[in-house]
Protein backbone atom coordinates (compact mmCIF):
# COMPACT_ATOMS: atom_id res chain seq x y z
CA MET A 1 7.95 35.69 45.59
CA ARG A 2 11.52 34.47 45.35
CA ILE A 3 12.91 33.73 41.84
CA THR A 4 14.77 30.44 41.84
CA ARG A 5 16.50 28.49 39.15
CA ARG A 6 13.68 25.91 39.21
CA LEU A 7 11.05 28.66 38.69
CA LEU A 8 13.00 30.13 35.77
CA LEU A 9 13.47 26.74 34.11
CA SER A 10 9.84 25.67 34.53
CA GLY A 11 8.64 29.06 33.28
CA GLY A 12 10.92 28.85 30.26
CA THR A 13 9.77 25.36 29.47
CA LEU A 14 6.13 26.38 29.72
CA SER A 15 6.76 29.44 27.51
CA ALA A 16 8.53 27.30 24.91
CA ALA A 17 5.67 24.79 24.89
CA VAL A 18 3.05 27.55 24.43
CA ALA A 19 5.13 29.13 21.64
CA ALA A 20 5.55 25.80 19.88
CA VAL A 21 1.80 25.07 19.98
CA GLY A 22 0.92 28.58 18.92
CA GLY A 23 3.47 28.46 16.06
CA TRP A 24 2.16 25.11 14.88
CA ARG A 25 -1.38 26.56 14.77
CA LEU A 26 -0.13 29.53 12.72
CA LEU A 27 1.58 27.20 10.27
CA ALA A 28 -1.58 25.07 9.95
CA GLY A 29 -3.43 28.08 8.53
CA PRO A 30 -6.56 29.85 9.64
CA VAL A 31 -8.89 27.91 11.93
CA ALA A 32 -11.73 28.28 9.42
CA ALA A 33 -9.57 26.60 6.72
CA ARG A 34 -8.87 23.65 9.07
CA THR A 35 -12.37 23.17 10.40
CA THR A 36 -14.73 24.05 7.53
CA PRO A 37 -15.81 20.79 5.92
CA GLN A 38 -15.82 20.68 2.13
CA GLN A 39 -18.84 19.40 0.25
CA PRO A 40 -18.15 15.79 -0.70
CA GLU A 41 -17.53 15.42 -4.40
CA THR A 42 -19.24 12.68 -6.36
CA PHE A 43 -17.32 10.62 -8.88
CA GLU A 44 -18.24 8.60 -11.95
CA VAL A 45 -16.22 5.60 -10.80
CA THR A 46 -16.93 4.44 -7.25
CA MET A 47 -16.04 1.24 -5.47
CA SER A 48 -16.17 -0.02 -1.93
CA ASP A 49 -12.99 0.03 0.13
CA ALA A 50 -12.71 -3.76 -0.30
CA GLU A 51 -13.06 -3.45 -4.09
CA TRP A 52 -10.34 -0.74 -4.22
CA ARG A 53 -8.04 -2.93 -2.11
CA LYS A 54 -8.60 -5.85 -4.45
CA LYS A 55 -8.03 -3.78 -7.64
CA LEU A 56 -4.93 -1.81 -6.53
CA THR A 57 -1.51 -2.84 -5.24
CA PRO A 58 -0.87 -1.90 -1.61
CA ALA A 59 1.29 1.05 -2.72
CA GLN A 60 -1.34 2.29 -5.19
CA TYR A 61 -4.04 1.92 -2.51
CA ASN A 62 -1.98 3.90 -0.03
CA VAL A 63 -1.55 6.83 -2.42
CA LEU A 64 -4.82 6.83 -4.36
CA ARG A 65 -7.25 6.01 -1.53
CA GLN A 66 -5.36 7.10 1.63
CA GLU A 67 -3.56 10.17 0.25
CA GLY A 68 -0.14 8.69 0.91
CA THR A 69 3.09 9.70 -0.83
CA GLU A 70 5.64 7.46 -2.45
CA ARG A 71 9.34 7.89 -1.73
CA PRO A 72 11.03 10.37 -4.09
CA PHE A 73 12.97 8.87 -6.98
CA SER A 74 11.22 5.49 -6.50
CA SER A 75 8.88 5.58 -9.52
CA PRO A 76 9.97 4.42 -12.96
CA LEU A 77 7.61 7.08 -14.36
CA ASN A 78 9.91 9.78 -13.07
CA ASP A 79 12.39 8.71 -15.78
CA GLU A 80 9.76 8.03 -18.48
CA HIS A 81 10.66 10.23 -21.48
CA ARG A 82 8.74 8.62 -24.33
CA LYS A 83 5.76 10.28 -26.02
CA GLY A 84 2.45 9.06 -24.62
CA MET A 85 -0.21 9.46 -21.93
CA PHE A 86 -0.08 9.22 -18.16
CA ALA A 87 -3.34 7.83 -16.80
CA CYS A 88 -4.93 7.22 -13.39
CA ALA A 89 -3.95 3.80 -12.02
CA GLY A 90 -7.40 3.53 -10.43
CA CYS A 91 -9.68 4.12 -13.42
CA GLN A 92 -7.36 4.62 -16.44
CA LEU A 93 -8.57 8.18 -17.17
CA ASP A 94 -5.90 10.02 -19.20
CA LEU A 95 -4.48 12.75 -16.96
CA PHE A 96 -1.31 14.18 -18.48
CA SER A 97 0.33 14.24 -21.91
CA SER A 98 4.08 13.58 -22.05
CA ASN A 99 4.26 16.94 -23.88
CA THR A 100 3.75 18.73 -20.51
CA LYS A 101 6.18 16.57 -18.48
CA PHE A 102 9.40 18.15 -17.21
CA ASP A 103 12.25 17.22 -14.84
CA SER A 104 11.57 19.18 -11.67
CA GLY A 105 14.46 17.56 -9.76
CA THR A 106 12.06 16.70 -6.93
CA GLY A 107 11.98 12.93 -7.50
CA TRP A 108 8.34 12.76 -8.61
CA PRO A 109 6.90 12.89 -12.13
CA SER A 110 6.06 16.58 -12.75
CA PHE A 111 3.87 18.28 -15.35
CA TRP A 112 3.08 21.90 -16.11
CA ALA A 113 -0.57 21.18 -17.07
CA PRO A 114 -3.13 18.36 -16.93
CA LEU A 115 -5.42 17.38 -19.76
CA ALA A 116 -8.72 19.33 -19.86
CA SER A 117 -11.19 18.19 -17.19
CA ALA A 118 -8.86 15.36 -16.04
CA VAL A 119 -8.16 16.45 -12.47
CA GLY A 120 -9.78 18.24 -9.57
CA THR A 121 -8.23 19.97 -6.60
CA THR A 122 -8.93 20.43 -2.89
CA GLN A 123 -7.14 22.27 -0.13
CA ASP A 124 -4.87 20.08 2.00
CA ALA A 125 -3.94 21.46 5.42
CA SER A 126 -1.99 18.43 6.62
CA PHE A 127 1.56 18.59 7.98
CA GLY A 128 1.13 22.18 9.24
CA MET A 129 0.90 23.81 5.80
CA THR A 130 -1.74 24.58 3.22
CA ARG A 131 -1.26 22.91 -0.15
CA THR A 132 -3.46 22.15 -3.15
CA ALA A 133 -4.08 18.42 -3.49
CA VAL A 134 -4.76 17.00 -6.93
CA HIS A 135 -7.17 14.06 -7.54
CA CYS A 136 -8.54 12.16 -10.54
CA HIS A 137 -11.72 13.73 -11.85
CA ARG A 138 -13.29 10.34 -12.60
CA CYS A 139 -12.55 8.27 -9.45
CA GLY A 140 -11.33 10.79 -6.91
CA GLY A 141 -8.00 9.01 -6.43
CA HIS A 142 -5.28 11.19 -4.83
CA LEU A 143 -2.49 11.91 -7.30
CA GLY A 144 -0.23 14.49 -5.61
CA HIS A 145 -0.11 18.27 -5.24
CA VAL A 146 0.18 21.32 -7.47
CA PHE A 147 2.61 24.19 -6.74
CA ASP A 148 3.15 27.59 -8.34
CA ASP A 149 6.89 27.14 -8.97
CA GLY A 150 6.73 25.42 -12.36
CA PRO A 151 7.95 26.44 -15.80
CA LYS A 152 6.24 28.49 -18.47
CA PRO A 153 3.70 28.65 -19.91
CA THR A 154 1.59 27.97 -16.78
CA GLY A 155 4.10 28.46 -13.97
CA LEU A 156 2.60 25.40 -12.29
CA ARG A 157 4.21 22.14 -11.13
CA TYR A 158 1.86 19.21 -10.86
CA CYS A 159 3.99 17.01 -8.62
CA MET A 160 2.42 13.52 -9.03
CA ASN A 161 3.02 10.16 -7.37
CA GLY A 162 4.13 7.78 -10.12
CA VAL A 163 2.50 4.84 -8.40
CA ALA A 164 -0.87 6.61 -8.84
CA MET A 165 -0.47 6.57 -12.63
CA THR A 166 0.19 4.26 -15.53
CA PHE A 167 1.94 5.16 -18.80
CA ARG A 168 0.70 4.31 -22.30
CA PRO A 169 3.28 5.02 -25.06
CA ALA A 170 2.01 6.77 -28.20
CA SER A 171 1.50 4.42 -31.15
CA ALA A 172 4.05 4.73 -33.89
């Protein structure tokens, strides 16, 4: 067999494509983590898709019901520094106290701990990485993700979408 420039180029292209696909699969995590279905969780507050669409703004629906993400630095709650409670925009369950909020510099409201029994978590293997997604314990609305690069005392950073929450200032 004679090695030609065309053979080398086509072989290199094929090798690069195989490496890219293989690398993507490695980044996506183990096959079992991507294909094992999780048991569906049941929630106290449930609505039909049409009811959620009617109740929420399009941006809230995108994040809470479709696991979307708002643009960084777009939420007024990122700059909210008053004492009070951050609640789920879908069902108004209190989620985070302002006492646990901190400026992470990421562009999303961040907290080092949720209120007791306020949130649940699931594994999220989207975008070629494994992350821990955070949802409202009462309605299942997607809130954001939790990472292990936060401040003391927990070392956690609950990076939340501001559009998925409301803020209620503490009474004087």
